């Protein structure tokens, strides 16, 4: 099971890892396949977002995720690999 949510307002919730606004939030559970979560090959997502942070803290639901879950915060700060 996964959920994929766009961050609408940069002032809304910030990434708990880096403190910056994020462009997309994805909840990934143990056993999820890459294609099921991101809908394409890994390079398509990795090249779109220049920074990715992972945490068990879910800022949108204001709770800690379980041991088999991670929340991935995707940041579009420009071309991937530019940092």
C-alpha atoms as a PDB file:
ATOM      1  CA  UNK A   1       0.000   0.000   0.000  1.00  0.00           C
ATOM      2  CA  UNK A   2       1.271   3.456  -0.817  1.00  0.00           C
ATOM      3  CA  UNK A   3      -0.027   6.976  -1.019  1.00  0.00           C
ATOM      4  CA  UNK A   4       1.249   9.735  -3.218  1.00  0.00           C
ATOM      5  CA  UNK A   5       0.417  13.312  -2.263  1.00  0.00           C
ATOM      6  CA  UNK A   6       1.547  16.616  -3.785  1.00  0.00           C
ATOM      7  CA  UNK A   7       2.515  19.381  -1.355  1.00  0.00           C
ATOM      8  CA  UNK A   8       0.276  22.273  -2.405  1.00  0.00           C
ATOM      9  CA  UNK A   9       1.617  25.159  -0.344  1.00  0.00           C
ATOM     10  CA  UNK A  10       5.301  25.515   0.595  1.00  0.00           C
ATOM     11  CA  UNK A  11       4.217  27.110   3.896  1.00  0.00           C
ATOM     12  CA  UNK A  12       2.048  24.103   4.765  1.00  0.00           C
ATOM     13  CA  UNK A  13       4.352  21.327   5.935  1.00  0.00           C
ATOM     14  CA  UNK A  14       8.112  21.048   5.653  1.00  0.00           C
ATOM     15  CA  UNK A  15      10.231  17.930   5.247  1.00  0.00           C
ATOM     16  CA  UNK A  16      11.125  16.607   8.727  1.00  0.00           C
ATOM     17  CA  UNK A  17      14.615  15.630   7.535  1.00  0.00           C
ATOM     18  CA  UNK A  18      15.871  18.840   5.906  1.00  0.00           C
ATOM     19  CA  UNK A  19      13.212  21.367   6.955  1.00  0.00           C
ATOM     20  CA  UNK A  20      12.578  22.487   3.372  1.00  0.00           C
ATOM     21  CA  UNK A  21       9.284  22.442   1.435  1.00  0.00           C
ATOM     22  CA  UNK A  22       8.789  19.319  -0.644  1.00  0.00           C
ATOM     23  CA  UNK A  23       7.101  18.774  -3.975  1.00  0.00           C
ATOM     24  CA  UNK A  24       5.775  15.290  -3.415  1.00  0.00           C
ATOM     25  CA  UNK A  25       5.288  12.910  -0.481  1.00  0.00           C
ATOM     26  CA  UNK A  26       5.106   9.150  -0.947  1.00  0.00           C
ATOM     27  CA  UNK A  27       4.376   6.577   1.760  1.00  0.00           C
ATOM     28  CA  UNK A  28       6.084   3.279   1.036  1.00  0.00           C
ATOM     29  CA  UNK A  29       5.436   0.040   2.890  1.00  0.00           C
ATOM     30  CA  UNK A  30       7.611  -3.050   3.063  1.00  0.00           C
ATOM     31  CA  UNK A  31       6.855  -5.227   0.059  1.00  0.00           C
ATOM     32  CA  UNK A  32       5.885  -2.373  -2.284  1.00  0.00           C
ATOM     33  CA  UNK A  33       7.455  -2.624  -5.724  1.00  0.00           C
ATOM     34  CA  UNK A  34       9.100   0.377  -7.373  1.00  0.00           C
ATOM     35  CA  UNK A  35       6.716   0.347 -10.356  1.00  0.00           C
ATOM     36  CA  UNK A  36       3.667   0.199  -8.071  1.00  0.00           C
ATOM     37  CA  UNK A  37       4.801   3.208  -6.056  1.00  0.00           C
ATOM     38  CA  UNK A  38       6.373   5.457  -8.678  1.00  0.00           C
ATOM     39  CA  UNK A  39       4.747   4.180 -11.868  1.00  0.00           C
ATOM     40  CA  UNK A  40       7.830   3.963 -14.035  1.00  0.00           C
ATOM     41  CA  UNK A  41      11.476   2.965 -14.114  1.00  0.00           C
ATOM     42  CA  UNK A  42      13.697   4.243 -11.261  1.00  0.00           C
ATOM     43  CA  UNK A  43      15.570   6.685 -13.468  1.00  0.00           C
ATOM     44  CA  UNK A  44      12.370   8.576 -14.331  1.00  0.00           C
ATOM     45  CA  UNK A  45      11.753   9.510 -10.687  1.00  0.00           C
ATOM     46  CA  UNK A  46      15.382   9.857  -9.672  1.00  0.00           C
ATOM     47  CA  UNK A  47      16.091  12.243 -12.546  1.00  0.00           C
ATOM     48  CA  UNK A  48      12.976  14.340 -11.867  1.00  0.00           C
ATOM     49  CA  UNK A  49      13.752  15.117  -8.226  1.00  0.00           C
ATOM     50  CA  UNK A  50      17.150  16.447  -7.233  1.00  0.00           C
ATOM     51  CA  UNK A  51      16.772  15.553  -3.559  1.00  0.00           C
ATOM     52  CA  UNK A  52      14.994  12.753  -1.725  1.00  0.00           C
ATOM     53  CA  UNK A  53      14.591  12.437   2.036  1.00  0.00           C
ATOM     54  CA  UNK A  54      13.135   9.457   3.920  1.00  0.00           C
ATOM     55  CA  UNK A  55      11.716   9.398   7.422  1.00  0.00           C
ATOM     56  CA  UNK A  56       9.207   7.534   9.556  1.00  0.00           C
ATOM     57  CA  UNK A  57       7.738  10.932  10.495  1.00  0.00           C
ATOM     58  CA  UNK A  58       4.644  11.731   8.449  1.00  0.00           C
ATOM     59  CA  UNK A  59       4.187  15.512   8.642  1.00  0.00           C
ATOM     60  CA  UNK A  60       0.840  15.492   6.818  1.00  0.00           C
ATOM     61  CA  UNK A  61      -0.743  12.960   9.146  1.00  0.00           C
ATOM     62  CA  UNK A  62       1.229  14.271  12.146  1.00  0.00           C
ATOM     63  CA  UNK A  63       2.342  10.849  13.346  1.00  0.00           C
ATOM     64  CA  UNK A  64       5.133   8.301  13.257  1.00  0.00           C
ATOM     65  CA  UNK A  65       4.748   5.527  10.700  1.00  0.00           C
ATOM     66  CA  UNK A  66       5.115   1.873  11.652  1.00  0.00           C
ATOM     67  CA  UNK A  67       8.370  -0.105  11.437  1.00  0.00           C
ATOM     68  CA  UNK A  68       7.575  -1.383   7.924  1.00  0.00           C
ATOM     69  CA  UNK A  69       6.824   2.061   6.500  1.00  0.00           C
ATOM     70  CA  UNK A  70       8.805   5.072   5.294  1.00  0.00           C
ATOM     71  CA  UNK A  71       7.682   8.454   4.044  1.00  0.00           C
ATOM     72  CA  UNK A  72       9.751   9.703   1.110  1.00  0.00           C
ATOM     73  CA  UNK A  73       9.811  13.464   0.579  1.00  0.00           C
ATOM     74  CA  UNK A  74      10.778  14.429  -2.975  1.00  0.00           C
ATOM     75  CA  UNK A  75      12.295  17.860  -3.608  1.00  0.00           C
ATOM     76  CA  UNK A  76      12.581  19.520  -7.015  1.00  0.00           C
ATOM     77  CA  UNK A  77      15.412  22.009  -6.467  1.00  0.00           C
ATOM     78  CA  UNK A  78      16.483  22.018 -10.092  1.00  0.00           C
ATOM     79  CA  UNK A  79      18.244  19.449 -12.256  1.00  0.00           C
ATOM     80  CA  UNK A  80      18.940  16.201 -10.415  1.00  0.00           C
ATOM     81  CA  UNK A  81      22.589  15.712  -9.642  1.00  0.00           C
ATOM     82  CA  UNK A  82      23.231  19.436  -9.677  1.00  0.00           C
ATOM     83  CA  UNK A  83      24.235  19.530  -6.033  1.00  0.00           C
END
